[in-house]
């Protein structure tokens, strides 16, 4: 899932990823996009990547 996750994250804007994480109570300060993505449910990542 590592390479697949990286490919998904590349298609998602950092701003959108941070907003989704904040909605779920995940800290976003000083966190890389990939680390945020690992904490979010797969459905959320799929939804965000389809927006782009």
N, C-alpha and C. Protein backbone atom coordinates (compact mmCIF):
# COMPACT_ATOMS: atom_id res chain seq x y z
N UNK A 1 0.82 -1.19 0.00
CA UNK A 1 0.00 0.00 0.00
C UNK A 1 0.86 1.26 0.00
N UNK A 2 2.14 1.16 0.26
CA UNK A 2 3.02 2.31 0.36
C UNK A 2 3.10 3.12 -0.91
N UNK A 3 3.41 2.47 -2.03
CA UNK A 3 3.53 3.19 -3.30
C UNK A 3 2.18 3.70 -3.77
N UNK A 4 1.16 2.91 -3.55
CA UNK A 4 -0.20 3.31 -3.94
C UNK A 4 -0.64 4.52 -3.13
N UNK A 5 -0.33 4.52 -1.84
CA UNK A 5 -0.66 5.65 -0.97
C UNK A 5 0.08 6.90 -1.41
N UNK A 6 1.34 6.77 -1.74
CA UNK A 6 2.13 7.92 -2.21
C UNK A 6 1.54 8.50 -3.48
N UNK A 7 1.08 7.65 -4.38
CA UNK A 7 0.49 8.12 -5.63
C UNK A 7 -0.79 8.89 -5.36
N UNK A 8 -1.59 8.40 -4.42
CA UNK A 8 -2.82 9.10 -4.04
C UNK A 8 -2.52 10.47 -3.45
N UNK A 9 -1.56 10.50 -2.54
CA UNK A 9 -1.22 11.73 -1.84
C UNK A 9 -0.71 12.79 -2.80
N UNK A 10 0.01 12.38 -3.83
CA UNK A 10 0.53 13.34 -4.81
C UNK A 10 -0.59 14.07 -5.53
N UNK A 11 -1.75 13.41 -5.66
CA UNK A 11 -2.87 14.02 -6.37
C UNK A 11 -3.73 14.91 -5.47
N UNK A 12 -3.48 14.90 -4.18
CA UNK A 12 -4.30 15.66 -3.23
C UNK A 12 -3.54 16.91 -2.80
N UNK A 13 -4.23 18.03 -2.79
CA UNK A 13 -3.63 19.29 -2.33
C UNK A 13 -3.42 19.22 -0.82
N UNK A 14 -2.33 19.78 -0.36
CA UNK A 14 -2.01 19.75 1.07
C UNK A 14 -3.12 20.42 1.88
N UNK A 15 -3.67 21.50 1.35
CA UNK A 15 -4.73 22.22 2.05
C UNK A 15 -5.94 21.32 2.28
N UNK A 16 -6.35 20.57 1.26
CA UNK A 16 -7.49 19.67 1.39
C UNK A 16 -7.21 18.56 2.40
N UNK A 17 -6.00 18.06 2.37
CA UNK A 17 -5.60 16.99 3.29
C UNK A 17 -5.63 17.48 4.73
N UNK A 18 -5.13 18.67 4.97
CA UNK A 18 -5.11 19.25 6.31
C UNK A 18 -6.54 19.51 6.81
N UNK A 19 -7.41 20.02 5.94
CA UNK A 19 -8.80 20.28 6.34
C UNK A 19 -9.50 18.98 6.75
N UNK A 20 -9.28 17.92 5.98
CA UNK A 20 -9.89 16.63 6.29
C UNK A 20 -9.37 16.10 7.63
N UNK A 21 -8.08 16.29 7.88
CA UNK A 21 -7.49 15.82 9.14
C UNK A 21 -8.03 16.62 10.32
N UNK A 22 -8.17 17.93 10.16
CA UNK A 22 -8.68 18.76 11.25
C UNK A 22 -10.10 18.38 11.62
N UNK A 23 -10.91 18.03 10.62
CA UNK A 23 -12.30 17.61 10.87
C UNK A 23 -12.35 16.36 11.74
N UNK A 24 -11.30 15.56 11.68
CA UNK A 24 -11.27 14.31 12.43
C UNK A 24 -10.42 14.40 13.69
N UNK A 25 -9.99 15.60 14.03
CA UNK A 25 -9.24 15.82 15.26
C UNK A 25 -7.79 15.38 15.20
N UNK A 26 -7.24 15.29 14.01
CA UNK A 26 -5.84 14.91 13.84
C UNK A 26 -4.99 16.17 13.81
N UNK A 27 -3.91 16.18 14.57
CA UNK A 27 -3.02 17.34 14.60
C UNK A 27 -2.36 17.50 13.23
N UNK A 28 -2.28 18.75 12.77
CA UNK A 28 -1.73 19.00 11.44
C UNK A 28 -0.47 19.85 11.45
N UNK A 29 -0.07 20.35 12.59
CA UNK A 29 1.12 21.20 12.66
C UNK A 29 2.38 20.36 12.49
N UNK A 30 3.25 20.79 11.62
CA UNK A 30 4.55 20.13 11.38
C UNK A 30 4.41 18.66 10.99
N UNK A 31 3.39 18.35 10.20
CA UNK A 31 3.17 16.97 9.76
C UNK A 31 3.21 16.93 8.24
N UNK A 32 3.93 15.96 7.70
CA UNK A 32 4.02 15.82 6.25
C UNK A 32 2.71 15.26 5.69
N UNK A 33 2.51 15.51 4.40
CA UNK A 33 1.28 15.04 3.75
C UNK A 33 1.13 13.53 3.88
N UNK A 34 2.20 12.79 3.69
CA UNK A 34 2.12 11.33 3.73
C UNK A 34 1.73 10.85 5.12
N UNK A 35 2.22 11.53 6.16
CA UNK A 35 1.89 11.13 7.52
C UNK A 35 0.42 11.42 7.84
N UNK A 36 -0.10 12.51 7.30
CA UNK A 36 -1.53 12.80 7.47
C UNK A 36 -2.36 11.73 6.77
N UNK A 37 -1.95 11.38 5.57
CA UNK A 37 -2.69 10.40 4.79
C UNK A 37 -2.75 9.04 5.49
N UNK A 38 -1.68 8.68 6.16
CA UNK A 38 -1.65 7.39 6.87
C UNK A 38 -2.66 7.35 8.01
N UNK A 39 -3.00 8.52 8.56
CA UNK A 39 -3.93 8.59 9.68
C UNK A 39 -5.40 8.70 9.25
N UNK A 40 -5.61 9.05 8.00
CA UNK A 40 -6.97 9.20 7.50
C UNK A 40 -7.50 7.90 6.92
N UNK A 41 -8.82 7.70 6.99
CA UNK A 41 -9.42 6.50 6.37
C UNK A 41 -9.23 6.51 4.85
N UNK A 42 -9.14 5.34 4.28
CA UNK A 42 -8.90 5.20 2.83
C UNK A 42 -10.01 5.86 2.02
N UNK A 43 -11.26 5.79 2.49
CA UNK A 43 -12.38 6.37 1.77
C UNK A 43 -12.20 7.88 1.60
N UNK A 44 -11.67 8.53 2.63
CA UNK A 44 -11.44 9.97 2.59
C UNK A 44 -10.39 10.30 1.55
N UNK A 45 -9.33 9.54 1.52
CA UNK A 45 -8.26 9.76 0.54
C UNK A 45 -8.77 9.57 -0.89
N UNK A 46 -9.58 8.54 -1.09
CA UNK A 46 -10.14 8.30 -2.42
C UNK A 46 -11.03 9.46 -2.84
N UNK A 47 -11.83 9.96 -1.92
CA UNK A 47 -12.73 11.08 -2.22
C UNK A 47 -11.94 12.34 -2.57
N UNK A 48 -10.91 12.63 -1.78
CA UNK A 48 -10.10 13.83 -2.02
C UNK A 48 -9.33 13.73 -3.34
N UNK A 49 -8.84 12.57 -3.66
CA UNK A 49 -8.07 12.42 -4.90
C UNK A 49 -8.98 12.50 -6.12
N UNK A 50 -10.23 12.13 -5.99
CA UNK A 50 -11.15 12.21 -7.12
C UNK A 50 -11.58 13.65 -7.40
N UNK A 51 -11.46 14.53 -6.41
CA UNK A 51 -11.80 15.93 -6.59
C UNK A 51 -10.82 16.62 -7.53
N UNK A 52 -9.58 16.21 -7.51
CA UNK A 52 -8.52 16.89 -8.24
C UNK A 52 -8.60 16.63 -9.72
